[in-house]
Amino acid sequence: MQDHPGLRRRGLLTAASGLGALALVGCGSSDGSGDQSGGGDANDGKPRRGGRLRAAFAGGGASETLDPHLANLFADVARAKALFDKLADYGDDLSAQPRLASGWEPNAGLDRWKVTLRKADFHDGKPVTAEDVLFSYRRIADPEKAFRAKASLEPIDLKASRAVDERTVEFVLKRPTAEFPNVLAAFGAYIVPDGSSAADFEKKPVGSGPFRFVSFAPGRSAVFRRNDDHWDGAPHLDEVEFVVANEESARVNALLGGQVEYAHELNPTTARAHEGKGRIGIVRLRNSAMQAFAMKTDRAPFDDKRVREAFFLIADRQELVDGALSGAGVVGNDLFGKGYEYYADGLPQREQDLDRARSLLKQAGAEKLKVTLDTSAVAAGFTEAAGIFRDQAAKAGVTVDVKMGSKDSYWADILDSGTLCCYRSGAMPIEAHISQRLLTDSTTNATKWHHKDFDALYQQAQATKDAKERAAVFGRMQRRLYAEGGFLVWGFADWIIGTARTVKGVDRKAPANTLDWARFDKVWLA
């Protein structure tokens, strides 16, 4: 699964395949019945202390690192959040939740923010200070390096920002930013000790996270031990081991064979085969990945909003979810971020209406329209979705020519070329989706949505201090996109995890990339 240029700031992290896989095979069985894994379920019982949990992820081979500012793969991020903390992280609704920061307060102009740190210590016993925060952010922003969170920190004037005292940072911003807490929660924005070097992360990384470093074999495994002094409470587990298994079949077989207790990123067909059978538990993290078709609004035929509306009405969203996602998801409503903070959930659910679609196409002079739909095997369900939509469009008199693209270059190819393509995105705040993809100067504007009045609304939202008033502005923007935008959002896919029946406390509500996804300090073994 390739990373998408549009997701580099806060988007979906990638999972590599075919690199440095650790052979994990076997097919054991466990007794009992029922789907009883984790998830904060009322049946999980009282947490039990002790034991080692082994978690299988796809990895990145011999080039893997524990430098948290380089975290890019899912495995990297799971390891990083075990060893390190951020100032904030995303809650289940993608709003920023305090972590190392105990709170934040802007000035009246929203261009200066004071962030207060909670009392927390690094693994070597030294306190986490404002200087550590500034060092970490300046390290990420190094123009000579390609650290993941660099673009996210761009709004901060790091030269002007300062430590007010040991536990207070004053961030000076380049422009008013009401959603500044999203920056603090940005992917990869981990806090490390002042003076940390790349060599430190290779030898014995020191963070402030819930687990301490024990060992690391790149492309194979990493072992971390409970940090009894963690500010958020000691983990229940004695140890967690991250095991690399690149093929989904290897992760499933290792779970079935009792060689691991947690398997990340399973296919919908695997989940369906095992759900409720009693051998393993299946956890579905809802609303983790938007599934869409992107129409380029600056060129024919989609420069006519009547054609775009017709395409909205051609889609049978349930058929797409059932066919392309094997039912592992929910229907979309042509807007990003279902269930997230600011989502416009009051708009009527769009349904297929072929008669209205044909009427709109006739009005636009596009009765016998022919379009090319770019797709690729770069992401699960893309080729299936393209075939299903081709058949749906034919019922409205539209000929869709499905064109297969390269897995290696697909995301770059479809950014500027073509007119219609398969598209997806992982979890991120709605504000981030807008800023990255829907402003005139957005670098990953796949729908070529260029409207100065829309840009002005975004600036208004960012300069609005009152959250309710800001939500109203984001609501106006989403109503406009719903009516005439370029994203035909047909669904939101589940992220699927498998666990042994002994694993409890795995969160069931957190979309991938949020705080409680791949979080092991609150998990225990029954």
Protein backbone atom coordinates (compact mmCIF):
# COMPACT_ATOMS: atom_id res chain seq x y z
CA MET A 1 0.00 0.00 0.00
CA GLN A 2 1.69 3.15 -1.21
CA ASP A 3 1.64 6.39 0.70
CA HIS A 4 -0.33 9.21 -0.87
CA PRO A 5 1.39 12.58 -1.33
CA GLY A 6 -1.76 14.21 -0.03
CA LEU A 7 -1.49 12.34 3.24
CA ARG A 8 2.05 13.17 4.21
CA ARG A 9 1.06 15.77 6.79
CA ARG A 10 -1.58 14.05 8.81
CA GLY A 11 -2.94 11.29 6.69
CA LEU A 12 -3.00 7.58 6.40
CA LEU A 13 0.27 5.89 7.26
CA THR A 14 1.50 3.14 5.01
CA ALA A 15 2.21 -0.52 5.48
CA ALA A 16 5.10 -1.98 3.51
CA SER A 17 5.04 -5.47 2.12
CA GLY A 18 7.58 -7.96 0.94
CA LEU A 19 10.44 -6.55 3.00
CA GLY A 20 12.25 -8.35 5.77
CA ALA A 21 9.31 -10.57 6.61
CA LEU A 22 9.73 -12.80 9.60
CA ALA A 23 8.30 -16.18 8.71
CA LEU A 24 5.46 -16.83 11.10
CA VAL A 25 3.50 -19.91 10.28
CA GLY A 26 1.39 -22.49 11.98
CA CYS A 27 -2.25 -23.16 12.46
CA GLY A 28 -3.29 -23.88 16.01
CA SER A 29 -6.67 -23.69 17.61
CA SER A 30 -8.12 -22.39 20.82
CA ASP A 31 -11.14 -23.66 22.65
CA GLY A 32 -14.21 -21.73 23.66
CA SER A 33 -16.56 -19.72 21.55
CA GLY A 34 -17.64 -16.20 20.88
CA ASP A 35 -15.79 -13.14 19.61
CA GLN A 36 -14.29 -11.92 22.85
CA SER A 37 -11.32 -9.66 22.22
CA GLY A 38 -10.69 -6.41 24.00
CA GLY A 39 -12.07 -3.08 23.13
CA GLY A 40 -13.09 -1.55 26.42
CA ASP A 41 -15.96 -4.00 26.30
CA ALA A 42 -18.01 -4.40 29.47
CA ASN A 43 -17.13 -8.09 29.40
CA ASP A 44 -13.39 -7.48 29.50
CA GLY A 45 -13.34 -7.60 33.29
CA LYS A 46 -10.76 -6.19 35.64
CA PRO A 47 -7.33 -5.48 34.09
CA ARG A 48 -4.65 -8.00 34.99
CA ARG A 49 -1.02 -7.04 35.33
CA GLY A 50 1.83 -8.94 33.70
CA GLY A 51 2.82 -10.88 30.60
CA ARG A 52 4.30 -10.09 27.21
CA LEU A 53 2.04 -9.24 24.27
CA ARG A 54 3.41 -9.99 20.80
CA ALA A 55 2.01 -7.75 18.06
CA ALA A 56 2.53 -8.45 14.34
CA PHE A 57 2.79 -5.56 11.89
CA ALA A 58 4.02 -5.14 8.34
CA GLY A 59 7.47 -3.57 8.52
CA GLY A 60 10.16 -1.83 6.54
CA GLY A 61 13.08 -4.25 6.46
CA ALA A 62 16.63 -3.57 7.55
CA SER A 63 16.19 0.19 7.14
CA GLU A 64 13.77 0.45 10.06
CA THR A 65 14.58 2.97 12.78
CA LEU A 66 13.27 3.95 16.21
CA ASP A 67 13.77 7.65 15.47
CA PRO A 68 10.19 8.84 16.14
CA HIS A 69 10.53 11.80 13.79
CA LEU A 70 11.07 9.38 10.90
CA ALA A 71 8.04 7.21 11.75
CA ASN A 72 6.19 6.49 8.53
CA LEU A 73 4.94 2.91 8.51
CA PHE A 74 2.18 1.70 10.81
CA ALA A 75 4.79 -0.39 12.65
CA ASP A 76 7.01 2.68 13.11
CA VAL A 77 4.19 4.68 14.65
CA ALA A 78 3.06 1.86 16.96
CA ARG A 79 6.63 1.57 18.26
CA ALA A 80 7.02 5.35 18.53
CA LYS A 81 3.85 5.84 20.59
CA ALA A 82 5.02 3.11 22.97
CA LEU A 83 8.36 4.86 23.61
CA PHE A 84 7.46 8.54 23.20
CA ASP A 85 4.70 11.09 23.79
CA LYS A 86 3.38 14.08 21.84
CA LEU A 87 2.00 17.31 23.27
CA ALA A 88 -1.44 16.27 22.01
CA ASP A 89 -2.99 13.46 20.02
CA TYR A 90 -6.18 12.85 18.09
CA GLY A 91 -9.22 11.51 19.92
CA ASP A 92 -11.80 9.21 18.35
CA ASP A 93 -13.52 12.20 16.70
CA LEU A 94 -10.17 13.59 15.42
CA SER A 95 -10.19 16.50 17.87
CA ALA A 96 -6.88 17.27 19.59
CA GLN A 97 -6.64 15.85 23.11
CA PRO A 98 -3.97 16.95 25.63
CA ARG A 99 -1.10 14.54 26.27
CA LEU A 100 2.26 15.96 27.47
CA ALA A 101 0.54 19.33 27.27
CA SER A 102 -1.89 19.82 30.14
CA GLY A 103 -3.51 22.70 28.28
CA TRP A 104 -3.14 25.54 25.78
CA GLU A 105 -4.40 29.09 25.50
CA PRO A 106 -4.27 31.52 22.56
CA ASN A 107 -4.05 35.27 22.59
CA ALA A 108 -6.90 37.36 21.16
CA GLY A 109 -5.33 37.35 17.70
CA LEU A 110 -4.87 33.54 17.63
CA ASP A 111 -1.25 34.02 16.53
CA ARG A 112 0.40 33.29 19.90
CA TRP A 113 -0.33 30.19 21.95
CA LYS A 114 0.90 29.37 25.43
CA VAL A 115 1.21 25.63 26.02
CA THR A 116 1.56 24.32 29.58
CA LEU A 117 3.33 21.01 30.15
CA ARG A 118 2.21 18.44 32.69
CA LYS A 119 4.74 16.93 35.10
CA ALA A 120 6.35 14.07 33.20
CA ASP A 121 9.76 12.45 33.12
CA PHE A 122 11.88 10.84 30.44
CA HIS A 123 13.02 7.26 30.95
CA ASP A 124 16.36 8.50 32.33
CA GLY A 125 14.54 10.37 35.12
CA LYS A 126 15.00 13.87 33.68
CA PRO A 127 11.85 16.04 33.54
CA VAL A 128 10.21 16.94 30.22
CA THR A 129 10.75 20.69 29.81
CA ALA A 130 9.88 23.52 27.46
CA GLU A 131 13.42 23.35 26.06
CA ASP A 132 12.88 19.69 25.13
CA VAL A 133 9.73 20.71 23.25
CA LEU A 134 11.47 23.48 21.32
CA PHE A 135 14.44 21.25 20.54
CA SER A 136 12.12 18.52 19.24
CA TYR A 137 10.16 20.87 16.98
CA ARG A 138 13.29 22.57 15.67
CA ARG A 139 14.81 19.18 14.92
CA ILE A 140 11.69 18.19 12.96
CA ALA A 141 11.76 21.51 11.06
CA ASP A 142 15.43 21.11 9.99
CA PRO A 143 15.44 22.12 6.29
CA GLU A 144 18.15 19.54 5.61
CA LYS A 145 16.02 16.65 6.85
CA ALA A 146 12.78 15.01 5.68
CA PHE A 147 11.04 14.44 9.00
CA ARG A 148 7.39 13.49 8.74
CA ALA A 149 5.86 16.32 10.78
CA LYS A 150 7.82 19.12 9.10
CA ALA A 151 4.92 20.37 6.97
CA SER A 152 2.55 20.21 9.95
CA LEU A 153 4.80 22.51 12.00
CA GLU A 154 5.06 25.08 9.19
CA PRO A 155 2.66 27.58 10.84
CA ILE A 156 5.07 27.99 13.79
CA ASP A 157 7.78 30.66 13.81
CA LEU A 158 10.25 28.52 15.74
CA LYS A 159 12.89 31.25 15.92
CA ALA A 160 10.48 33.58 17.70
CA SER A 161 8.92 30.89 19.92
CA ARG A 162 10.39 30.61 23.42
CA ALA A 163 10.40 28.85 26.76
CA VAL A 164 8.60 31.09 29.25
CA ASP A 165 9.64 28.81 32.09
CA GLU A 166 10.46 25.13 32.54
CA ARG A 167 6.90 24.00 31.84
CA THR A 168 5.50 26.77 29.60
CA VAL A 169 6.15 27.27 25.89
CA GLU A 170 5.02 30.33 23.96
CA PHE A 171 4.54 29.46 20.31
CA VAL A 172 4.56 32.40 17.91
CA LEU A 173 2.64 31.65 14.70
CA LYS A 174 3.02 33.04 11.21
CA ARG A 175 -0.74 33.60 10.92
CA PRO A 176 -3.90 33.30 13.08
CA THR A 177 -4.62 29.61 13.60
CA ALA A 178 -7.64 28.55 15.65
CA GLU A 179 -6.87 24.88 15.01
CA PHE A 180 -3.32 25.11 16.37
CA PRO A 181 -3.87 22.13 18.73
CA ASN A 182 -4.02 19.99 15.56
CA VAL A 183 -0.40 20.99 14.96
CA LEU A 184 0.55 19.73 18.44
CA ALA A 185 -1.14 16.42 17.61
CA ALA A 186 0.47 16.09 14.17
CA PHE A 187 1.74 12.69 13.07
CA GLY A 188 5.40 12.37 14.00
CA ALA A 189 5.54 15.41 16.32
CA TYR A 190 7.02 13.45 19.24
CA ILE A 191 8.92 15.09 22.08
CA VAL A 192 12.48 13.86 22.62
CA PRO A 193 15.19 14.97 25.08
CA ASP A 194 17.09 18.16 24.26
CA GLY A 195 20.27 17.24 22.38
CA SER A 196 19.08 13.85 21.10
CA SER A 197 20.86 12.62 17.98
CA ALA A 198 20.15 9.99 15.36
CA ALA A 199 22.80 7.81 17.00
CA ASP A 200 20.90 7.94 20.31
CA PHE A 201 17.81 6.47 18.68
CA GLU A 202 19.85 3.66 17.14
CA LYS A 203 21.52 2.64 20.43
CA LYS A 204 19.08 3.20 23.27
CA PRO A 205 16.19 5.60 22.58
CA VAL A 206 14.99 7.60 25.58
CA GLY A 207 11.43 8.90 25.54
CA SER A 208 8.69 9.69 28.03
CA GLY A 209 6.28 7.02 26.78
CA PRO A 210 4.61 4.14 28.64
CA PHE A 211 7.29 1.61 27.67
CA ARG A 212 11.10 1.63 27.93
CA PHE A 213 13.52 0.32 25.34
CA VAL A 214 14.90 -3.23 25.72
CA SER A 215 16.02 -4.38 22.26
CA PHE A 216 15.54 -3.75 18.54
CA ALA A 217 16.36 -5.86 15.47
CA PRO A 218 15.34 -3.81 12.38
CA GLY A 219 12.95 -5.70 10.12
CA ARG A 220 12.42 -8.40 12.75
CA SER A 221 11.35 -7.34 16.23
CA ALA A 222 11.46 -4.77 19.03
CA VAL A 223 10.96 -5.43 22.73
CA PHE A 224 9.89 -2.75 25.22
CA ARG A 225 9.30 -3.00 29.00
CA ARG A 226 6.71 -1.30 31.19
CA ASN A 227 7.58 2.23 32.40
CA ASP A 228 6.32 2.15 36.00
CA ASP A 229 6.72 5.94 36.27
CA HIS A 230 4.68 6.99 33.23
CA TRP A 231 2.63 10.12 33.85
CA ASP A 232 -0.53 8.44 32.51
CA GLY A 233 -0.11 5.36 34.71
CA ALA A 234 1.99 2.26 34.27
CA PRO A 235 0.93 -0.19 31.53
CA HIS A 236 -0.73 -3.45 32.55
CA LEU A 237 1.67 -5.50 30.44
CA ASP A 238 5.21 -6.32 31.57
CA GLU A 239 6.44 -6.15 27.99
CA VAL A 240 5.29 -5.63 24.43
CA GLU A 241 7.10 -7.14 21.46
CA PHE A 242 6.56 -5.80 17.94
CA VAL A 243 7.11 -8.56 15.38
CA VAL A 244 7.47 -7.92 11.64
CA ALA A 245 5.30 -10.05 9.34
CA ASN A 246 4.71 -8.39 5.99
CA GLU A 247 2.21 -10.77 4.44
CA GLU A 248 -1.32 -10.73 5.80
CA SER A 249 -1.40 -14.53 5.66
CA ALA A 250 1.70 -14.69 7.88
CA ARG A 251 0.10 -12.40 10.46
CA VAL A 252 -3.12 -14.44 10.47
CA ASN A 253 -1.30 -17.78 10.72
CA ALA A 254 0.87 -16.47 13.55
CA LEU A 255 -2.24 -15.39 15.42
CA LEU A 256 -4.00 -18.70 14.83
CA GLY A 257 -0.88 -20.60 15.82
CA GLY A 258 -0.41 -18.74 19.09
CA GLN A 259 2.86 -17.09 18.02
CA VAL A 260 1.42 -13.59 18.39
CA GLU A 261 -1.57 -12.16 20.27
CA TYR A 262 -2.28 -9.14 18.04
CA ALA A 263 -2.30 -8.95 14.22
CA HIS A 264 -2.58 -5.57 12.53
CA GLU A 265 -4.33 -4.87 9.22
CA LEU A 266 -6.41 -7.87 8.21
CA ASN A 267 -8.45 -8.21 5.04
CA PRO A 268 -12.28 -8.07 5.14
CA THR A 269 -12.47 -11.64 3.82
CA THR A 270 -10.24 -12.86 6.67
CA ALA A 271 -12.37 -11.01 9.21
CA ARG A 272 -15.57 -12.50 7.81
CA ALA A 273 -14.09 -16.00 7.91
CA HIS A 274 -13.17 -15.78 11.61
CA GLU A 275 -15.61 -13.32 13.17
CA GLY A 276 -17.73 -14.92 15.86
CA LYS A 277 -16.08 -18.34 15.47
CA GLY A 278 -14.29 -18.19 18.84
CA ARG A 279 -10.70 -18.82 17.79
CA ILE A 280 -9.64 -15.18 17.45
CA GLY A 281 -11.25 -11.82 18.10
CA ILE A 282 -11.91 -9.32 15.32
CA VAL A 283 -11.76 -5.60 16.07
CA ARG A 284 -13.17 -3.21 13.49
CA LEU A 285 -12.00 0.39 13.75
CA ARG A 286 -14.80 2.26 12.01
CA ASN A 287 -14.45 5.30 9.73
CA SER A 288 -10.71 4.78 9.29
CA ALA A 289 -10.41 5.34 5.53
CA MET A 290 -12.49 7.52 3.21
CA GLN A 291 -13.24 5.85 -0.13
CA ALA A 292 -14.06 8.14 -3.06
CA PHE A 293 -13.93 9.02 -6.72
CA ALA A 294 -12.22 12.35 -7.42
CA MET A 295 -13.60 14.50 -10.24
CA LYS A 296 -11.37 17.29 -11.55
CA THR A 297 -13.52 20.39 -11.45
CA ASP A 298 -11.29 22.52 -13.71
CA ARG A 299 -11.75 20.51 -16.90
CA ALA A 300 -14.46 18.88 -19.02
CA PRO A 301 -16.76 17.23 -18.32
CA PHE A 302 -16.55 17.96 -14.57
CA ASP A 303 -16.15 21.72 -14.95
CA ASP A 304 -19.95 21.65 -15.21
CA LYS A 305 -21.45 21.22 -11.74
CA ARG A 306 -24.52 19.56 -13.25
CA VAL A 307 -22.30 16.70 -14.44
CA ARG A 308 -20.76 16.41 -10.98
CA GLU A 309 -24.20 16.28 -9.38
CA ALA A 310 -25.24 13.63 -11.90
CA PHE A 311 -22.29 11.49 -10.86
CA PHE A 312 -23.24 11.92 -7.20
CA LEU A 313 -26.64 10.51 -8.13
CA ILE A 314 -25.30 7.65 -10.27
CA ALA A 315 -23.51 6.05 -7.33
CA ASP A 316 -25.19 3.24 -5.42
CA ARG A 317 -23.10 3.62 -2.30
CA GLN A 318 -24.28 0.48 -0.54
CA GLU A 319 -23.44 -1.64 -3.57
CA LEU A 320 -19.95 -0.11 -3.60
CA VAL A 321 -19.43 -0.79 0.12
CA ASP A 322 -20.71 -4.36 -0.23
CA GLY A 323 -18.74 -5.13 -3.38
CA ALA A 324 -15.50 -3.17 -3.06
CA LEU A 325 -15.10 -3.39 0.71
CA SER A 326 -16.78 -6.77 1.24
CA GLY A 327 -19.20 -4.93 3.50
CA ALA A 328 -16.42 -3.78 5.85
CA GLY A 329 -17.48 -0.16 6.04
CA VAL A 330 -20.35 2.31 5.88
CA VAL A 331 -21.76 4.49 3.12
CA GLY A 332 -20.46 8.01 2.62
CA ASN A 333 -22.29 11.21 1.76
CA ASP A 334 -19.79 13.04 -0.47
CA LEU A 335 -18.01 14.64 2.49
CA PHE A 336 -14.79 13.69 4.26
CA GLY A 337 -14.65 12.84 7.97
CA LYS A 338 -17.85 11.04 8.91
CA GLY A 339 -18.08 11.08 12.71
CA TYR A 340 -15.20 13.54 13.10
CA GLU A 341 -15.27 16.96 14.77
CA TYR A 342 -17.13 19.56 12.61
CA TYR A 343 -18.64 16.92 10.27
CA ALA A 344 -21.88 18.18 8.70
CA ASP A 345 -24.04 15.22 9.66
CA GLY A 346 -27.32 17.07 9.17
CA LEU A 347 -27.27 16.86 5.38
CA PRO A 348 -29.63 14.30 3.80
CA GLN A 349 -28.03 10.99 2.81
CA ARG A 350 -27.63 11.00 -0.95
CA GLU A 351 -29.22 8.04 -2.74
CA GLN A 352 -28.96 6.74 -6.28
CA ASP A 353 -31.39 8.56 -8.62
CA LEU A 354 -30.72 7.55 -12.21
CA ASP A 355 -33.64 9.52 -13.67
CA ARG A 356 -32.41 12.76 -12.09
CA ALA A 357 -28.85 11.94 -13.17
CA ARG A 358 -29.94 11.47 -16.80
CA SER A 359 -31.90 14.74 -16.66
CA LEU A 360 -28.88 16.68 -15.36
CA LEU A 361 -26.63 15.18 -18.03
CA LYS A 362 -29.15 16.16 -20.70
CA GLN A 363 -29.25 19.74 -19.35
CA ALA A 364 -25.44 19.82 -19.54
CA GLY A 365 -25.41 18.51 -23.11
CA ALA A 366 -23.67 15.33 -21.96
CA GLU A 367 -26.27 12.67 -22.73
CA LYS A 368 -23.82 10.14 -24.22
CA LEU A 369 -20.91 11.01 -22.01
CA LYS A 370 -17.71 8.95 -22.15
CA VAL A 371 -15.13 9.29 -19.36
CA THR A 372 -11.97 7.48 -18.31
CA LEU A 373 -11.77 6.31 -14.70
CA ASP A 374 -8.20 5.87 -13.47
CA THR A 375 -7.68 3.12 -10.91
CA SER A 376 -4.93 0.82 -9.66
CA ALA A 377 -4.27 -2.13 -7.37
CA VAL A 378 -2.45 0.39 -5.16
CA ALA A 379 -5.18 0.14 -2.51
CA ALA A 380 -7.64 -2.53 -1.47
CA GLY A 381 -10.99 -2.24 -3.25
CA PHE A 382 -9.91 0.25 -5.91
CA THR A 383 -10.23 -2.02 -8.93
CA GLU A 384 -13.47 -3.53 -7.61
CA ALA A 385 -14.95 -0.06 -7.00
CA ALA A 386 -14.05 1.03 -10.53
CA GLY A 387 -15.80 -1.98 -12.07
CA ILE A 388 -18.91 -1.54 -9.95
CA PHE A 389 -19.17 2.17 -10.74
CA ARG A 390 -18.66 1.50 -14.46
CA ASP A 391 -21.73 -0.75 -14.41
CA GLN A 392 -23.75 1.77 -12.38
CA ALA A 393 -22.89 4.59 -14.79
CA ALA A 394 -23.97 2.52 -17.80
CA LYS A 395 -27.51 2.53 -16.38
CA ALA A 396 -27.49 6.32 -16.71
CA GLY A 397 -26.18 6.21 -20.27
CA VAL A 398 -22.59 7.05 -19.30
CA THR A 399 -19.70 5.02 -20.69
CA VAL A 400 -16.87 4.64 -18.19
CA ASP A 401 -13.56 3.33 -19.50
CA VAL A 402 -11.58 1.86 -16.58
CA LYS A 403 -7.83 2.47 -16.95
CA MET A 404 -5.36 0.57 -14.74
CA GLY A 405 -2.43 2.59 -13.44
CA SER A 406 0.91 1.70 -11.90
CA LYS A 407 0.99 0.89 -8.19
CA ASP A 408 4.35 2.66 -7.94
CA SER A 409 3.34 6.00 -9.47
CA TYR A 410 -0.47 6.07 -9.16
CA TRP A 411 -0.74 8.79 -6.50
CA ALA A 412 1.57 11.12 -8.37
CA ASP A 413 -0.03 10.33 -11.74
CA ILE A 414 -3.61 11.12 -10.70
CA LEU A 415 -2.81 14.36 -8.89
CA ASP A 416 -2.70 16.48 -12.04
CA SER A 417 -3.59 14.19 -14.95
CA GLY A 418 -6.88 12.63 -15.95
CA THR A 419 -10.42 13.70 -15.07
CA LEU A 420 -11.81 10.95 -12.79
CA CYS A 421 -9.96 8.59 -10.46
CA CYS A 422 -10.26 6.27 -7.47
CA TYR A 423 -9.15 7.99 -4.28
CA ARG A 424 -8.87 7.33 -0.58
CA SER A 425 -7.67 9.00 2.61
CA GLY A 426 -6.98 7.98 6.15
CA ALA A 427 -8.07 9.73 9.31
CA MET A 428 -7.18 13.38 9.81
CA PRO A 429 -9.06 16.42 11.11
CA ILE A 430 -11.56 17.92 8.67
CA GLU A 431 -9.62 21.19 8.91
CA ALA A 432 -6.49 19.38 7.69
CA HIS A 433 -8.37 17.73 4.81
CA ILE A 434 -9.56 21.16 3.68
CA SER A 435 -6.19 22.87 4.04
CA GLN A 436 -4.31 20.14 2.19
CA ARG A 437 -6.75 19.36 -0.61
CA LEU A 438 -9.36 22.04 -1.16
CA LEU A 439 -7.69 25.45 -1.09
CA THR A 440 -6.45 27.18 -4.23
CA ASP A 441 -2.82 26.76 -3.16
CA SER A 442 -3.17 23.29 -1.63
CA THR A 443 -0.33 21.12 -2.91
CA THR A 444 -2.45 17.94 -3.13
CA ASN A 445 -5.64 19.36 -4.61
CA ALA A 446 -6.71 16.27 -6.57
CA THR A 447 -10.12 17.72 -7.55
CA LYS A 448 -8.65 21.08 -8.62
CA TRP A 449 -11.21 22.83 -6.43
CA HIS A 450 -10.09 26.46 -6.78
CA HIS A 451 -12.44 29.06 -5.29
CA LYS A 452 -11.22 32.25 -3.63
CA ASP A 453 -14.47 32.65 -1.67
CA PHE A 454 -14.00 29.13 -0.30
CA ASP A 455 -10.40 30.02 0.64
CA ALA A 456 -11.74 33.08 2.45
CA LEU A 457 -14.15 30.94 4.47
CA TYR A 458 -11.26 28.75 5.57
CA GLN A 459 -9.30 31.82 6.69
CA GLN A 460 -12.42 33.01 8.53
CA ALA A 461 -12.76 29.66 10.29
CA GLN A 462 -9.12 29.69 11.35
CA ALA A 463 -9.46 33.21 12.72
CA THR A 464 -12.67 32.41 14.67
CA LYS A 465 -11.94 31.81 18.34
CA ASP A 466 -15.40 30.62 19.38
CA ALA A 467 -15.65 26.88 18.62
CA LYS A 468 -19.41 26.97 17.91
CA GLU A 469 -19.03 29.85 15.47
CA ARG A 470 -16.05 28.13 13.85
CA ALA A 471 -18.10 24.94 13.44
CA ALA A 472 -20.78 26.98 11.68
CA VAL A 473 -18.24 28.24 9.14
CA PHE A 474 -16.95 24.71 8.51
CA GLY A 475 -20.60 23.69 8.08
CA ARG A 476 -21.09 26.31 5.35
CA MET A 477 -18.01 25.04 3.54
CA GLN A 478 -19.21 21.45 3.67
CA ARG A 479 -22.66 22.36 2.36
CA ARG A 480 -20.95 23.92 -0.65
CA LEU A 481 -18.86 20.78 -1.22
CA TYR A 482 -21.92 18.57 -0.81
CA ALA A 483 -23.74 20.54 -3.49
CA GLU A 484 -20.98 20.94 -6.07
CA GLY A 485 -17.63 19.58 -4.87
CA GLY A 486 -15.36 17.17 -6.71
CA PHE A 487 -15.16 14.31 -4.20
CA LEU A 488 -17.77 11.60 -4.66
CA VAL A 489 -17.31 10.01 -1.22
CA TRP A 490 -19.08 6.67 -1.43
CA GLY A 491 -17.86 4.99 1.75
CA PHE A 492 -15.68 4.76 4.85
CA ALA A 493 -13.75 1.53 5.33
CA ASP A 494 -13.12 -0.29 8.58
CA TRP A 495 -9.56 -0.92 9.74
CA ILE A 496 -9.44 -4.54 10.90
CA ILE A 497 -7.33 -6.04 13.68
CA GLY A 498 -7.19 -9.61 14.93
CA THR A 499 -6.45 -10.56 18.54
CA ALA A 500 -6.07 -13.69 20.62
CA ARG A 501 -9.01 -14.38 22.91
CA THR A 502 -6.79 -13.58 25.91
CA VAL A 503 -6.26 -9.97 24.78
CA LYS A 504 -8.45 -7.39 26.50
CA GLY A 505 -8.71 -3.61 26.48
CA VAL A 506 -8.14 -3.04 22.74
CA ASP A 507 -10.05 0.12 21.84
CA ARG A 508 -12.88 -0.47 19.35
CA LYS A 509 -13.78 3.14 18.55
CA ALA A 510 -10.46 4.69 17.50
CA PRO A 511 -9.92 5.14 13.75
CA ALA A 512 -6.45 4.25 12.49
CA ASN A 513 -3.88 6.98 13.24
CA THR A 514 -5.63 8.23 16.39
CA LEU A 515 -4.42 8.05 19.99
CA ASP A 516 -6.08 4.78 20.97
CA TRP A 517 -5.26 2.90 17.76
CA ALA A 518 -2.29 0.48 18.22
CA ARG A 519 -2.03 1.57 21.84
CA PHE A 520 -0.74 -1.09 24.21
CA ASP A 521 -0.41 0.64 27.59
CA LYS A 522 -4.12 0.06 28.32
CA VAL A 523 -4.21 -3.53 27.02
CA TRP A 524 -3.87 -6.64 29.20
CA LEU A 525 -3.76 -10.42 28.91
CA ALA A 526 -6.58 -12.28 30.64
